[in-house]
Amino acid sequence: MIFGTGDFVPEKELARRGGLTLDARPHTSRPGVFAAGGVLAPGQRAEAATRNGTLAAGAVLEWLAGAEWPQEAGA
């Protein structure tokens, strides 16, 4: 059986199709929806991905604790 990659859609494109605007931060244009990893920086190395995930986790914890969503998020 042969499998092709013709149906592959990059994470960033999936986010765009879902109506999300992204920038380099974990906050997206939709409050409560965070981004990390390949959706922000495709092809990043493991060390960078770990730092990126740590930043996203911190943002999630702040949001759960009641922090306001940044007005410019995903701009």
PDB file of N, CA and C in Angstrom:
ATOM      1  N   MET A   1       0.839  -1.159   0.000  1.00  0.00           N
ATOM      2  CA  MET A   1       0.000   0.000   0.000  1.00  0.00           C
ATOM      3  C   MET A   1       0.897   1.239   0.000  1.00  0.00           C
ATOM      4  N   ILE A   2       0.557   2.221  -0.797  1.00  0.00           N
ATOM      5  CA  ILE A   2       1.333   3.448  -0.907  1.00  0.00           C
ATOM      6  C   ILE A   2       0.526   4.598  -0.317  1.00  0.00           C
ATOM      7  N   PHE A   3       1.183   5.350   0.543  1.00  0.00           N
ATOM      8  CA  PHE A   3       0.545   6.523   1.134  1.00  0.00           C
ATOM      9  C   PHE A   3       1.230   7.773   0.603  1.00  0.00           C
ATOM     10  N   GLY A   4       0.456   8.744   0.200  1.00  0.00           N
ATOM     11  CA  GLY A   4       1.011  10.012  -0.264  1.00  0.00           C
ATOM     12  C   GLY A   4       0.845  11.093   0.787  1.00  0.00           C
ATOM     13  N   THR A   5       1.492  12.190   0.561  1.00  0.00           N
ATOM     14  CA  THR A   5       1.380  13.311   1.484  1.00  0.00           C
ATOM     15  C   THR A   5       0.575  14.449   0.885  1.00  0.00           C
ATOM     16  N   GLY A   6      -0.158  14.168  -0.155  1.00  0.00           N
ATOM     17  CA  GLY A   6      -0.902  15.212  -0.844  1.00  0.00           C
ATOM     18  C   GLY A   6      -1.966  15.888  -0.010  1.00  0.00           C
ATOM     19  N   ASP A   7      -2.448  15.262   1.063  1.00  0.00           N
ATOM     20  CA  ASP A   7      -3.492  15.850   1.885  1.00  0.00           C
ATOM     21  C   ASP A   7      -2.943  16.563   3.112  1.00  0.00           C
ATOM     22  N   PHE A   8      -1.617  16.682   3.226  1.00  0.00           N
ATOM     23  CA  PHE A   8      -1.022  17.327   4.385  1.00  0.00           C
ATOM     24  C   PHE A   8      -1.357  18.811   4.388  1.00  0.00           C
ATOM     25  N   VAL A   9      -1.810  19.293   5.544  1.00  0.00           N
ATOM     26  CA  VAL A   9      -2.085  20.717   5.723  1.00  0.00           C
ATOM     27  C   VAL A   9      -1.283  21.171   6.942  1.00  0.00           C
ATOM     28  N   PRO A  10      -0.375  22.127   6.782  1.00  0.00           N
ATOM     29  CA  PRO A  10       0.428  22.595   7.904  1.00  0.00           C
ATOM     30  C   PRO A  10      -0.446  23.171   9.022  1.00  0.00           C
ATOM     31  N   GLU A  11       0.050  23.065  10.261  1.00  0.00           N
ATOM     32  CA  GLU A  11      -0.701  23.540  11.428  1.00  0.00           C
ATOM     33  C   GLU A  11      -1.099  25.004  11.293  1.00  0.00           C
ATOM     34  N   LYS A  12      -0.181  25.829  10.809  1.00  0.00           N
ATOM     35  CA  LYS A  12      -0.470  27.259  10.680  1.00  0.00           C
ATOM     36  C   LYS A  12      -1.645  27.488   9.725  1.00  0.00           C
ATOM     37  N   GLU A  13      -1.722  26.704   8.670  1.00  0.00           N
ATOM     38  CA  GLU A  13      -2.824  26.824   7.715  1.00  0.00           C
ATOM     39  C   GLU A  13      -4.132  26.355   8.349  1.00  0.00           C
ATOM     40  N   LEU A  14      -4.086  25.311   9.160  1.00  0.00           N
ATOM     41  CA  LEU A  14      -5.292  24.847   9.850  1.00  0.00           C
ATOM     42  C   LEU A  14      -5.816  25.928  10.791  1.00  0.00           C
ATOM     43  N   ALA A  15      -4.910  26.595  11.491  1.00  0.00           N
ATOM     44  CA  ALA A  15      -5.308  27.685  12.386  1.00  0.00           C
ATOM     45  C   ALA A  15      -5.967  28.808  11.579  1.00  0.00           C
ATOM     46  N   ARG A  16      -5.368  29.160  10.457  1.00  0.00           N
ATOM     47  CA  ARG A  16      -5.931  30.212   9.609  1.00  0.00           C
ATOM     48  C   ARG A  16      -7.315  29.830   9.107  1.00  0.00           C
ATOM     49  N   ARG A  17      -7.468  28.592   8.684  1.00  0.00           N
ATOM     50  CA  ARG A  17      -8.772  28.116   8.207  1.00  0.00           C
ATOM     51  C   ARG A  17      -9.809  28.124   9.324  1.00  0.00           C
ATOM     52  N   GLY A  18      -9.348  27.991  10.560  1.00  0.00           N
ATOM     53  CA  GLY A  18     -10.241  28.035  11.715  1.00  0.00           C
ATOM     54  C   GLY A  18     -10.561  29.447  12.169  1.00  0.00           C
ATOM     55  N   GLY A  19     -10.046  30.440  11.456  1.00  0.00           N
ATOM     56  CA  GLY A  19     -10.344  31.824  11.775  1.00  0.00           C
ATOM     57  C   GLY A  19      -9.436  32.437  12.824  1.00  0.00           C
ATOM     58  N   LEU A  20      -8.327  31.785  13.150  1.00  0.00           N
ATOM     59  CA  LEU A  20      -7.407  32.312  14.149  1.00  0.00           C
ATOM     60  C   LEU A  20      -6.329  33.165  13.509  1.00  0.00           C
ATOM     61  N   THR A  21      -5.987  34.243  14.178  1.00  0.00           N
ATOM     62  CA  THR A  21      -4.856  35.055  13.786  1.00  0.00           C
ATOM     63  C   THR A  21      -3.749  34.765  14.782  1.00  0.00           C
ATOM     64  N   LEU A  22      -2.538  34.535  14.278  1.00  0.00           N
ATOM     65  CA  LEU A  22      -1.404  34.164  15.119  1.00  0.00           C
ATOM     66  C   LEU A  22      -0.298  35.192  15.020  1.00  0.00           C
ATOM     67  N   ASP A  23       0.498  35.273  16.074  1.00  0.00           N
ATOM     68  CA  ASP A  23       1.746  36.014  16.020  1.00  0.00           C
ATOM     69  C   ASP A  23       2.768  35.139  16.753  1.00  0.00           C
ATOM     70  N   ALA A  24       3.816  35.691  17.263  1.00  0.00           N
ATOM     71  CA  ALA A  24       4.871  34.882  17.877  1.00  0.00           C
ATOM     72  C   ALA A  24       4.583  34.509  19.327  1.00  0.00           C
ATOM     73  N   ARG A  25       3.451  34.933  19.850  1.00  0.00           N
ATOM     74  CA  ARG A  25       3.110  34.639  21.244  1.00  0.00           C
ATOM     75  C   ARG A  25       2.111  33.494  21.332  1.00  0.00           C
ATOM     76  N   PRO A  26       1.910  32.937  22.526  1.00  0.00           N
ATOM     77  CA  PRO A  26       0.967  31.827  22.646  1.00  0.00           C
ATOM     78  C   PRO A  26      -0.493  32.241  22.545  1.00  0.00           C
ATOM     79  N   HIS A  27      -0.794  33.547  22.714  1.00  0.00           N
ATOM     80  CA  HIS A  27      -2.174  34.004  22.613  1.00  0.00           C
ATOM     81  C   HIS A  27      -2.570  34.131  21.139  1.00  0.00           C
ATOM     82  N   THR A  28      -3.780  33.723  20.834  1.00  0.00           N
ATOM     83  CA  THR A  28      -4.299  33.873  19.474  1.00  0.00           C
ATOM     84  C   THR A  28      -5.316  35.001  19.468  1.00  0.00           C
ATOM     85  N   SER A  29      -5.972  35.200  18.352  1.00  0.00           N
ATOM     86  CA  SER A  29      -7.000  36.228  18.249  1.00  0.00           C
ATOM     87  C   SER A  29      -8.290  35.826  18.952  1.00  0.00           C
ATOM     88  N   ARG A  30      -8.408  34.591  19.405  1.00  0.00           N
ATOM     89  CA  ARG A  30      -9.610  34.118  20.089  1.00  0.00           C
ATOM     90  C   ARG A  30      -9.289  33.843  21.559  1.00  0.00           C
ATOM     91  N   PRO A  31      -9.875  34.605  22.477  1.00  0.00           N
ATOM     92  CA  PRO A  31      -9.597  34.399  23.904  1.00  0.00           C
ATOM     93  C   PRO A  31      -9.819  32.944  24.329  1.00  0.00           C
ATOM     94  N   GLY A  32      -8.846  32.431  25.077  1.00  0.00           N
ATOM     95  CA  GLY A  32      -8.917  31.061  25.562  1.00  0.00           C
ATOM     96  C   GLY A  32      -8.314  30.033  24.632  1.00  0.00           C
ATOM     97  N   VAL A  33      -7.905  30.458  23.428  1.00  0.00           N
ATOM     98  CA  VAL A  33      -7.274  29.548  22.473  1.00  0.00           C
ATOM     99  C   VAL A  33      -5.802  29.934  22.368  1.00  0.00           C
ATOM    100  N   PHE A  34      -4.941  28.985  22.701  1.00  0.00           N
ATOM    101  CA  PHE A  34      -3.503  29.225  22.724  1.00  0.00           C
ATOM    102  C   PHE A  34      -2.826  28.460  21.593  1.00  0.00           C
ATOM    103  N   ALA A  35      -1.645  28.919  21.217  1.00  0.00           N
ATOM    104  CA  ALA A  35      -0.877  28.271  20.161  1.00  0.00           C
ATOM    105  C   ALA A  35       0.538  28.012  20.659  1.00  0.00           C
ATOM    106  N   ALA A  36       1.098  26.897  20.230  1.00  0.00           N
ATOM    107  CA  ALA A  36       2.475  26.549  20.591  1.00  0.00           C
ATOM    108  C   ALA A  36       3.028  25.607  19.538  1.00  0.00           C
ATOM    109  N   GLY A  37       4.326  25.386  19.607  1.00  0.00           N
ATOM    110  CA  GLY A  37       4.971  24.412  18.732  1.00  0.00           C
ATOM    111  C   GLY A  37       4.959  24.794  17.272  1.00  0.00           C
ATOM    112  N   GLY A  38       4.670  23.808  16.427  1.00  0.00           N
ATOM    113  CA  GLY A  38       4.751  23.972  14.986  1.00  0.00           C
ATOM    114  C   GLY A  38       3.801  24.999  14.406  1.00  0.00           C
ATOM    115  N   VAL A  39       2.734  25.317  15.104  1.00  0.00           N
ATOM    116  CA  VAL A  39       1.806  26.310  14.583  1.00  0.00           C
ATOM    117  C   VAL A  39       2.420  27.710  14.629  1.00  0.00           C
ATOM    118  N   LEU A  40       3.323  27.942  15.574  1.00  0.00           N
ATOM    119  CA  LEU A  40       3.996  29.240  15.678  1.00  0.00           C
ATOM    120  C   LEU A  40       5.329  29.275  14.952  1.00  0.00           C
ATOM    121  N   ALA A  41       6.058  28.184  15.029  1.00  0.00           N
ATOM    122  CA  ALA A  41       7.398  28.140  14.435  1.00  0.00           C
ATOM    123  C   ALA A  41       7.646  26.764  13.834  1.00  0.00           C
ATOM    124  N   PRO A  42       7.183  26.547  12.618  1.00  0.00           N
ATOM    125  CA  PRO A  42       7.373  25.240  11.987  1.00  0.00           C
ATOM    126  C   PRO A  42       8.852  24.862  11.905  1.00  0.00           C
ATOM    127  N   GLY A  43       9.144  23.620  12.189  1.00  0.00           N
ATOM    128  CA  GLY A  43      10.499  23.105  12.057  1.00  0.00           C
ATOM    129  C   GLY A  43      11.451  23.498  13.166  1.00  0.00           C
ATOM    130  N   GLN A  44      10.921  24.002  14.274  1.00  0.00           N
ATOM    131  CA  GLN A  44      11.824  24.408  15.344  1.00  0.00           C
ATOM    132  C   GLN A  44      12.465  23.200  16.017  1.00  0.00           C
ATOM    133  N   ARG A  45      13.626  23.402  16.580  1.00  0.00           N
ATOM    134  CA  ARG A  45      14.365  22.333  17.259  1.00  0.00           C
ATOM    135  C   ARG A  45      13.716  22.025  18.598  1.00  0.00           C
ATOM    136  N   ALA A  46      14.059  20.870  19.159  1.00  0.00           N
ATOM    137  CA  ALA A  46      13.447  20.403  20.404  1.00  0.00           C
ATOM    138  C   ALA A  46      13.614  21.397  21.550  1.00  0.00           C
ATOM    139  N   GLU A  47      14.787  21.996  21.678  1.00  0.00           N
ATOM    140  CA  GLU A  47      15.007  22.962  22.762  1.00  0.00           C
ATOM    141  C   GLU A  47      14.084  24.168  22.619  1.00  0.00           C
ATOM    142  N   ALA A  48      13.948  24.663  21.413  1.00  0.00           N
ATOM    143  CA  ALA A  48      13.076  25.811  21.170  1.00  0.00           C
ATOM    144  C   ALA A  48      11.616  25.419  21.397  1.00  0.00           C
ATOM    145  N   ALA A  49      11.241  24.224  20.987  1.00  0.00           N
ATOM    146  CA  ALA A  49       9.870  23.763  21.185  1.00  0.00           C
ATOM    147  C   ALA A  49       9.548  23.646  22.671  1.00  0.00           C
ATOM    148  N   THR A  50      10.521  23.201  23.454  1.00  0.00           N
ATOM    149  CA  THR A  50      10.322  23.088  24.897  1.00  0.00           C
ATOM    150  C   THR A  50      10.112  24.462  25.519  1.00  0.00           C
ATOM    151  N   ARG A  51      10.939  25.426  25.145  1.00  0.00           N
ATOM    152  CA  ARG A  51      10.777  26.791  25.661  1.00  0.00           C
ATOM    153  C   ARG A  51       9.424  27.359  25.228  1.00  0.00           C
ATOM    154  N   ASN A  52       9.053  27.113  23.985  1.00  0.00           N
ATOM    155  CA  ASN A  52       7.787  27.589  23.455  1.00  0.00           C
ATOM    156  C   ASN A  52       6.616  26.994  24.236  1.00  0.00           C
ATOM    157  N   GLY A  53       6.684  25.705  24.521  1.00  0.00           N
ATOM    158  CA  GLY A  53       5.631  25.044  25.293  1.00  0.00           C
ATOM    159  C   GLY A  53       5.550  25.565  26.712  1.00  0.00           C
ATOM    160  N   THR A  54       6.696  25.882  27.301  1.00  0.00           N
ATOM    161  CA  THR A  54       6.724  26.429  28.654  1.00  0.00           C
ATOM    162  C   THR A  54       6.056  27.806  28.689  1.00  0.00           C
ATOM    163  N   LEU A  55       6.328  28.636  27.695  1.00  0.00           N
ATOM    164  CA  LEU A  55       5.674  29.946  27.608  1.00  0.00           C
ATOM    165  C   LEU A  55       4.161  29.801  27.448  1.00  0.00           C
ATOM    166  N   ALA A  56       3.743  28.855  26.618  1.00  0.00           N
ATOM    167  CA  ALA A  56       2.313  28.629  26.408  1.00  0.00           C
ATOM    168  C   ALA A  56       1.658  28.139  27.700  1.00  0.00           C
ATOM    169  N   ALA A  57       2.322  27.240  28.413  1.00  0.00           N
ATOM    170  CA  ALA A  57       1.770  26.731  29.672  1.00  0.00           C
ATOM    171  C   ALA A  57       1.603  27.857  30.685  1.00  0.00           C
ATOM    172  N   GLY A  58       2.595  28.753  30.743  1.00  0.00           N
ATOM    173  CA  GLY A  58       2.485  29.898  31.646  1.00  0.00           C
ATOM    174  C   GLY A  58       1.311  30.791  31.289  1.00  0.00           C
ATOM    175  N   ALA A  59       1.108  31.013  29.995  1.00  0.00           N
ATOM    176  CA  ALA A  59      -0.020  31.837  29.542  1.00  0.00           C
ATOM    177  C   ALA A  59      -1.351  31.176  29.891  1.00  0.00           C
ATOM    178  N   VAL A  60      -1.427  29.864  29.762  1.00  0.00           N
ATOM    179  CA  VAL A  60      -2.655  29.136  30.108  1.00  0.00           C
ATOM    180  C   VAL A  60      -2.936  29.278  31.605  1.00  0.00           C
ATOM    181  N   LEU A  61      -1.904  29.098  32.436  1.00  0.00           N
ATOM    182  CA  LEU A  61      -2.083  29.232  33.885  1.00  0.00           C
ATOM    183  C   LEU A  61      -2.556  30.633  34.259  1.00  0.00           C
ATOM    184  N   GLU A  62      -1.975  31.651  33.633  1.00  0.00           N
ATOM    185  CA  GLU A  62      -2.399  33.027  33.897  1.00  0.00           C
ATOM    186  C   GLU A  62      -3.862  33.227  33.508  1.00  0.00           C
ATOM    187  N   TRP A  63      -4.252  32.673  32.357  1.00  0.00           N
ATOM    188  CA  TRP A  63      -5.638  32.789  31.875  1.00  0.00           C
ATOM    189  C   TRP A  63      -6.599  32.101  32.839  1.00  0.00           C
ATOM    190  N   LEU A  64      -6.227  30.909  33.303  1.00  0.00           N
ATOM    191  CA  LEU A  64      -7.079  30.183  34.248  1.00  0.00           C
ATOM    192  C   LEU A  64      -7.187  30.901  35.588  1.00  0.00           C
ATOM    193  N   ALA A  65      -6.168  31.674  35.941  1.00  0.00           N
ATOM    194  CA  ALA A  65      -6.172  32.436  37.190  1.00  0.00           C
ATOM    195  C   ALA A  65      -6.945  33.750  37.061  1.00  0.00           C
ATOM    196  N   GLY A  66      -7.440  34.046  35.863  1.00  0.00           N
ATOM    197  CA  GLY A  66      -8.272  35.227  35.670  1.00  0.00           C
ATOM    198  C   GLY A  66      -7.622  36.398  34.971  1.00  0.00           C
ATOM    199  N   ALA A  67      -6.452  36.211  34.393  1.00  0.00           N
ATOM    200  CA  ALA A  67      -5.780  37.304  33.680  1.00  0.00           C
ATOM    201  C   ALA A  67      -6.604  37.726  32.467  1.00  0.00           C
ATOM    202  N   GLU A  68      -6.517  39.006  32.138  1.00  0.00           N
ATOM    203  CA  GLU A  68      -7.191  39.531  30.944  1.00  0.00           C
ATOM    204  C   GLU A  68      -6.474  39.026  29.686  1.00  0.00           C
ATOM    205  N   TRP A  69      -7.245  38.850  28.625  1.00  0.00           N
ATOM    206  CA  TRP A  69      -6.683  38.466  27.337  1.00  0.00           C
ATOM    207  C   TRP A  69      -6.051  39.694  26.690  1.00  0.00           C
ATOM    208  N   PRO A  70      -4.819  39.601  26.209  1.00  0.00           N
ATOM    209  CA  PRO A  70      -4.180  40.783  25.597  1.00  0.00           C
ATOM    210  C   PRO A  70      -4.998  41.314  24.422  1.00  0.00           C
ATOM    211  N   GLN A  71      -5.204  42.625  24.394  1.00  0.00           N
ATOM    212  CA  GLN A  71      -5.999  43.250  23.322  1.00  0.00           C
ATOM    213  C   GLN A  71      -5.355  43.038  21.958  1.00  0.00           C
ATOM    214  N   GLU A  72      -4.036  43.056  21.902  1.00  0.00           N
ATOM    215  CA  GLU A  72      -3.336  42.932  20.622  1.00  0.00           C
ATOM    216  C   GLU A  72      -3.006  41.495  20.261  1.00  0.00           C
ATOM    217  N   ALA A  73      -3.511  40.513  21.015  1.00  0.00           N
ATOM    218  CA  ALA A  73      -3.195  39.100  20.766  1.00  0.00           C
ATOM    219  C   ALA A  73      -3.585  38.704  19.350  1.00  0.00           C
ATOM    220  N   GLY A  74      -2.671  38.038  18.688  1.00  0.00           N
ATOM    221  CA  GLY A  74      -2.922  37.557  17.345  1.00  0.00           C
ATOM    222  C   GLY A  74      -2.964  38.647  16.287  1.00  0.00           C
ATOM    223  N   ALA A  75      -2.552  39.840  16.665  1.00  0.00           N
ATOM    224  CA  ALA A  75      -2.610  40.955  15.709  1.00  0.00           C
ATOM    225  C   ALA A  75      -1.578  40.813  14.619  1.00  0.00           C
TER     226      ALA A  75
END
